[in-house]
């Protein structure tokens, strides 16, 4: 049986899109920034809609993994100069840049 906390969490997630922060880059230049779509993608990921999350912003999962691994490495006092961590950061940056270039080349900017 669902308790009040689970119901309120489900309602909050269902209406969380009203709390999205507008993009100042898009407001000033009238085109998407390299991170546009991230917030909506995370919401789709939280709701369990992985295809929609990927469609909205493909670098979401690598970015979240990079942040999680970076913070975990820092909190656990592991080697912050580890090659695997740098490779993860590089891969995430590459995916973000590739996604933005794809948007530019194929006129996917809104």
N, C-alpha and C. Protein backbone atom coordinates (compact mmCIF):
# COMPACT_ATOMS: atom_id res chain seq x y z
N UNK A 1 0.84 -1.18 0.00
CA UNK A 1 0.00 0.00 0.00
C UNK A 1 0.89 1.25 0.00
N UNK A 2 0.52 2.24 -0.81
CA UNK A 2 1.30 3.47 -0.89
C UNK A 2 1.03 4.36 0.32
N UNK A 3 2.08 4.87 0.90
CA UNK A 3 1.87 5.81 1.99
C UNK A 3 1.92 7.24 1.45
N UNK A 4 1.70 8.22 2.29
CA UNK A 4 1.61 9.61 1.87
C UNK A 4 2.93 10.12 1.28
N UNK A 5 4.07 9.63 1.75
CA UNK A 5 5.36 10.07 1.24
C UNK A 5 5.58 9.59 -0.20
N UNK A 6 5.21 8.37 -0.48
CA UNK A 6 5.36 7.84 -1.83
C UNK A 6 4.42 8.56 -2.79
N UNK A 7 3.21 8.82 -2.35
CA UNK A 7 2.24 9.53 -3.20
C UNK A 7 2.72 10.93 -3.50
N UNK A 8 3.20 11.65 -2.48
CA UNK A 8 3.68 13.02 -2.70
C UNK A 8 4.92 13.03 -3.58
N UNK A 9 5.79 12.03 -3.44
CA UNK A 9 6.98 11.95 -4.30
C UNK A 9 6.56 11.71 -5.75
N UNK A 10 5.60 10.84 -5.98
CA UNK A 10 5.12 10.59 -7.33
C UNK A 10 4.48 11.83 -7.94
N UNK A 11 3.71 12.56 -7.14
CA UNK A 11 3.10 13.79 -7.63
C UNK A 11 4.15 14.85 -7.93
N UNK A 12 5.17 14.94 -7.09
CA UNK A 12 6.24 15.91 -7.30
C UNK A 12 7.01 15.61 -8.59
N UNK A 13 7.35 14.36 -8.80
CA UNK A 13 8.08 13.98 -10.00
C UNK A 13 7.23 14.22 -11.23
N UNK A 14 5.95 13.97 -11.12
CA UNK A 14 5.05 14.19 -12.25
C UNK A 14 4.93 15.65 -12.65
N UNK A 15 5.12 16.57 -11.71
CA UNK A 15 4.99 18.00 -11.99
C UNK A 15 6.30 18.74 -11.79
N UNK A 16 7.41 18.06 -11.76
CA UNK A 16 8.71 18.70 -11.52
C UNK A 16 9.13 19.62 -12.66
N UNK A 17 8.52 19.47 -13.83
CA UNK A 17 8.90 20.31 -14.96
C UNK A 17 8.59 21.78 -14.74
N UNK A 18 7.75 22.11 -13.77
CA UNK A 18 7.47 23.53 -13.50
C UNK A 18 8.63 24.21 -12.77
N UNK A 19 9.59 23.43 -12.28
CA UNK A 19 10.73 23.97 -11.56
C UNK A 19 11.99 24.08 -12.42
N UNK A 20 11.90 23.79 -13.71
CA UNK A 20 13.08 23.84 -14.56
C UNK A 20 13.62 25.27 -14.67
N UNK A 21 14.93 25.39 -14.67
CA UNK A 21 15.59 26.69 -14.75
C UNK A 21 15.73 27.08 -16.22
N UNK A 22 15.31 28.28 -16.61
CA UNK A 22 15.48 28.70 -18.00
C UNK A 22 16.96 28.91 -18.33
N UNK A 23 17.31 28.67 -19.57
CA UNK A 23 18.70 28.77 -20.01
C UNK A 23 19.04 30.22 -20.38
N UNK A 24 20.00 30.84 -19.66
CA UNK A 24 20.36 32.22 -19.99
C UNK A 24 21.04 32.33 -21.36
N UNK A 25 21.81 31.32 -21.75
CA UNK A 25 22.47 31.32 -23.06
C UNK A 25 21.43 31.36 -24.17
N UNK A 26 20.41 30.53 -24.03
CA UNK A 26 19.35 30.48 -25.04
C UNK A 26 18.55 31.78 -25.04
N UNK A 27 18.36 32.37 -23.87
CA UNK A 27 17.64 33.63 -23.77
C UNK A 27 18.41 34.75 -24.48
N UNK A 28 19.72 34.78 -24.30
CA UNK A 28 20.53 35.85 -24.89
C UNK A 28 20.79 35.66 -26.38
N UNK A 29 21.10 34.43 -26.79
CA UNK A 29 21.55 34.19 -28.17
C UNK A 29 20.51 33.50 -29.06
N UNK A 30 19.40 33.11 -28.48
CA UNK A 30 18.28 32.50 -29.21
C UNK A 30 18.61 31.14 -29.84
N UNK A 31 19.65 30.47 -29.34
CA UNK A 31 19.96 29.10 -29.77
C UNK A 31 20.29 28.27 -28.53
N UNK A 32 20.20 26.96 -28.66
CA UNK A 32 20.50 26.08 -27.54
C UNK A 32 21.96 26.19 -27.13
N UNK A 33 22.20 26.01 -25.84
CA UNK A 33 23.57 25.92 -25.35
C UNK A 33 24.00 24.45 -25.40
N UNK A 34 25.27 24.15 -25.15
CA UNK A 34 25.70 22.75 -25.17
C UNK A 34 25.02 21.86 -24.13
N UNK A 35 24.38 22.44 -23.12
CA UNK A 35 23.73 21.65 -22.09
C UNK A 35 22.21 21.67 -22.15
N UNK A 36 21.65 22.33 -23.15
CA UNK A 36 20.19 22.42 -23.24
C UNK A 36 19.58 21.03 -23.42
N UNK A 37 18.59 20.75 -22.62
CA UNK A 37 17.91 19.46 -22.64
C UNK A 37 18.28 18.59 -21.46
N UNK A 38 19.32 18.98 -20.71
CA UNK A 38 19.80 18.16 -19.60
C UNK A 38 18.75 18.00 -18.51
N UNK A 39 18.12 19.08 -18.11
CA UNK A 39 17.13 19.00 -17.02
C UNK A 39 15.96 18.11 -17.40
N UNK A 40 15.44 18.29 -18.61
CA UNK A 40 14.33 17.46 -19.06
C UNK A 40 14.75 16.00 -19.19
N UNK A 41 15.99 15.79 -19.61
CA UNK A 41 16.52 14.44 -19.75
C UNK A 41 16.63 13.75 -18.39
N UNK A 42 17.08 14.48 -17.38
CA UNK A 42 17.18 13.90 -16.03
C UNK A 42 15.79 13.55 -15.50
N UNK A 43 14.81 14.42 -15.76
CA UNK A 43 13.44 14.11 -15.32
C UNK A 43 12.92 12.85 -16.00
N UNK A 44 13.19 12.71 -17.29
CA UNK A 44 12.77 11.50 -18.00
C UNK A 44 13.48 10.28 -17.44
N UNK A 45 14.75 10.43 -17.09
CA UNK A 45 15.52 9.33 -16.50
C UNK A 45 14.94 8.94 -15.14
N UNK A 46 14.57 9.91 -14.33
CA UNK A 46 13.97 9.63 -13.02
C UNK A 46 12.65 8.89 -13.19
N UNK A 47 11.90 9.26 -14.21
CA UNK A 47 10.61 8.60 -14.46
C UNK A 47 10.79 7.21 -15.07
N UNK A 48 12.03 6.88 -15.47
CA UNK A 48 12.30 5.57 -16.03
C UNK A 48 12.15 5.49 -17.54
N UNK A 49 12.02 6.62 -18.19
CA UNK A 49 11.87 6.67 -19.65
C UNK A 49 13.24 6.89 -20.28
N UNK A 50 14.02 5.81 -20.40
CA UNK A 50 15.39 5.90 -20.89
C UNK A 50 15.48 6.36 -22.35
N UNK A 51 14.62 5.87 -23.26
CA UNK A 51 14.69 6.36 -24.64
C UNK A 51 14.42 7.87 -24.75
N UNK A 52 13.45 8.37 -24.01
CA UNK A 52 13.16 9.81 -24.04
C UNK A 52 14.32 10.60 -23.45
N UNK A 53 14.91 10.08 -22.40
CA UNK A 53 16.06 10.74 -21.78
C UNK A 53 17.21 10.85 -22.78
N UNK A 54 17.50 9.77 -23.48
CA UNK A 54 18.58 9.79 -24.46
C UNK A 54 18.26 10.73 -25.62
N UNK A 55 17.01 10.74 -26.04
CA UNK A 55 16.61 11.61 -27.15
C UNK A 55 16.71 13.08 -26.76
N UNK A 56 16.37 13.41 -25.53
CA UNK A 56 16.42 14.80 -25.10
C UNK A 56 17.85 15.31 -24.96
N UNK A 57 18.74 14.48 -24.40
CA UNK A 57 20.13 14.90 -24.21
C UNK A 57 20.99 13.66 -24.01
N UNK A 58 21.63 13.17 -25.07
CA UNK A 58 22.42 11.94 -24.98
C UNK A 58 23.53 11.91 -23.93
N UNK A 59 24.21 13.02 -23.62
CA UNK A 59 25.28 12.94 -22.61
C UNK A 59 24.82 12.85 -21.16
N UNK A 60 23.54 12.74 -20.89
CA UNK A 60 23.06 12.73 -19.50
C UNK A 60 23.69 11.61 -18.67
N UNK A 61 23.62 10.39 -19.14
CA UNK A 61 24.13 9.26 -18.35
C UNK A 61 25.64 9.35 -18.16
N UNK A 62 26.44 9.61 -19.21
CA UNK A 62 27.88 9.76 -18.96
C UNK A 62 28.20 10.91 -18.00
N UNK A 63 27.45 12.02 -18.11
CA UNK A 63 27.70 13.16 -17.23
C UNK A 63 27.39 12.79 -15.78
N UNK A 64 26.24 12.17 -15.55
CA UNK A 64 25.89 11.80 -14.18
C UNK A 64 26.86 10.77 -13.60
N UNK A 65 27.30 9.83 -14.43
CA UNK A 65 28.31 8.87 -13.97
C UNK A 65 29.63 9.55 -13.63
N UNK A 66 30.04 10.50 -14.45
CA UNK A 66 31.28 11.24 -14.19
C UNK A 66 31.19 12.00 -12.87
N UNK A 67 30.06 12.67 -12.65
CA UNK A 67 29.89 13.41 -11.40
C UNK A 67 29.89 12.44 -10.22
N UNK A 68 29.15 11.36 -10.33
CA UNK A 68 29.09 10.38 -9.25
C UNK A 68 30.47 9.79 -8.94
N UNK A 69 31.19 9.41 -9.97
CA UNK A 69 32.53 8.84 -9.76
C UNK A 69 33.51 9.89 -9.23
N UNK A 70 33.42 11.11 -9.74
CA UNK A 70 34.30 12.17 -9.27
C UNK A 70 34.06 12.50 -7.80
N UNK A 71 32.80 12.65 -7.43
CA UNK A 71 32.48 12.95 -6.03
C UNK A 71 32.82 11.75 -5.14
N UNK A 72 32.53 10.55 -5.61
CA UNK A 72 32.88 9.35 -4.84
C UNK A 72 34.38 9.23 -4.62
N UNK A 73 35.15 9.53 -5.64
CA UNK A 73 36.60 9.49 -5.53
C UNK A 73 37.10 10.52 -4.53
N UNK A 74 36.51 11.70 -4.57
CA UNK A 74 36.91 12.77 -3.65
C UNK A 74 36.52 12.44 -2.21
N UNK A 75 35.29 11.96 -2.01
CA UNK A 75 34.80 11.65 -0.66
C UNK A 75 35.59 10.50 -0.05
N UNK A 76 35.88 9.48 -0.85
CA UNK A 76 36.61 8.33 -0.34
C UNK A 76 38.12 8.53 -0.31
N UNK A 77 38.55 9.73 -0.71
CA UNK A 77 39.98 10.09 -0.71
C UNK A 77 40.82 9.14 -1.55
N UNK A 78 40.27 8.77 -2.71
CA UNK A 78 41.01 7.93 -3.64
C UNK A 78 41.88 8.81 -4.52
N UNK A 79 42.59 8.22 -5.44
CA UNK A 79 43.48 8.96 -6.33
C UNK A 79 42.67 9.79 -7.32
N UNK A 80 42.63 11.11 -7.10
CA UNK A 80 41.86 11.97 -7.98
C UNK A 80 42.55 12.20 -9.32
N UNK A 81 43.78 11.77 -9.45
CA UNK A 81 44.52 11.87 -10.72
C UNK A 81 44.52 10.56 -11.48
N UNK A 82 43.65 9.65 -11.12
CA UNK A 82 43.61 8.34 -11.77
C UNK A 82 43.29 8.48 -13.25
N UNK A 83 43.93 7.65 -14.04
CA UNK A 83 43.73 7.71 -15.50
C UNK A 83 42.29 7.36 -15.89
N UNK A 84 41.68 6.42 -15.19
CA UNK A 84 40.30 6.03 -15.54
C UNK A 84 39.33 7.18 -15.29
N UNK A 85 39.59 7.98 -14.26
CA UNK A 85 38.73 9.12 -13.96
C UNK A 85 38.89 10.21 -15.02
N UNK A 86 40.12 10.47 -15.41
CA UNK A 86 40.38 11.44 -16.47
C UNK A 86 39.79 10.96 -17.79
N UNK A 87 39.87 9.66 -18.05
CA UNK A 87 39.28 9.12 -19.28
C UNK A 87 37.76 9.28 -19.26
N UNK A 88 37.15 9.09 -18.11
CA UNK A 88 35.70 9.27 -18.00
C UNK A 88 35.32 10.73 -18.25
N UNK A 89 36.08 11.66 -17.69
CA UNK A 89 35.82 13.08 -17.93
C UNK A 89 35.99 13.43 -19.41
N UNK A 90 37.05 12.90 -20.02
CA UNK A 90 37.30 13.16 -21.43
C UNK A 90 36.18 12.59 -22.29
N UNK A 91 35.75 11.37 -22.00
CA UNK A 91 34.68 10.74 -22.75
C UNK A 91 33.39 11.56 -22.63
N UNK A 92 33.07 12.00 -21.43
CA UNK A 92 31.87 12.80 -21.22
C UNK A 92 31.94 14.10 -22.01
N UNK A 93 33.07 14.77 -21.95
CA UNK A 93 33.25 16.01 -22.72
C UNK A 93 33.13 15.76 -24.21
N UNK A 94 33.70 14.65 -24.67
CA UNK A 94 33.62 14.30 -26.09
C UNK A 94 32.17 14.06 -26.52
N UNK A 95 31.40 13.36 -25.70
CA UNK A 95 29.99 13.10 -26.02
C UNK A 95 29.21 14.41 -26.02
N UNK A 96 29.48 15.30 -25.07
CA UNK A 96 28.79 16.59 -25.02
C UNK A 96 29.12 17.43 -26.25
N UNK A 97 30.39 17.49 -26.61
CA UNK A 97 30.80 18.26 -27.78
C UNK A 97 30.24 17.64 -29.05
N UNK A 98 30.28 16.32 -29.16
CA UNK A 98 29.73 15.64 -30.33
C UNK A 98 28.24 15.88 -30.47
N UNK A 99 27.52 15.86 -29.36
CA UNK A 99 26.08 16.12 -29.38
C UNK A 99 25.80 17.55 -29.85
N UNK A 100 26.57 18.51 -29.36
CA UNK A 100 26.35 19.91 -29.75
C UNK A 100 26.69 20.13 -31.22
N UNK A 101 27.78 19.55 -31.67
CA UNK A 101 28.14 19.68 -33.09
C UNK A 101 27.08 19.04 -33.98
N UNK A 102 26.52 17.92 -33.55
CA UNK A 102 25.43 17.28 -34.30
C UNK A 102 24.23 18.21 -34.40
N UNK A 103 23.89 18.85 -33.28
CA UNK A 103 22.77 19.80 -33.29
C UNK A 103 23.03 20.95 -34.26
N UNK A 104 24.25 21.45 -34.27
CA UNK A 104 24.59 22.57 -35.15
C UNK A 104 24.55 22.15 -36.61
N UNK A 105 25.20 21.05 -36.93
CA UNK A 105 25.31 20.60 -38.32
C UNK A 105 23.94 20.23 -38.91
N UNK A 106 23.13 19.55 -38.14
CA UNK A 106 21.85 19.09 -38.64
C UNK A 106 20.68 19.98 -38.25
N UNK A 107 21.00 21.20 -37.87
CA UNK A 107 19.98 22.22 -37.58
C UNK A 107 18.95 21.75 -36.57
N UNK A 108 19.42 21.14 -35.52
CA UNK A 108 18.53 20.66 -34.46
C UNK A 108 18.38 21.68 -33.34
N UNK A 109 19.02 22.85 -33.49
CA UNK A 109 18.91 23.88 -32.47
C UNK A 109 17.51 24.47 -32.52
N UNK A 110 16.96 24.78 -31.37
CA UNK A 110 15.60 25.30 -31.31
C UNK A 110 15.60 26.80 -31.19
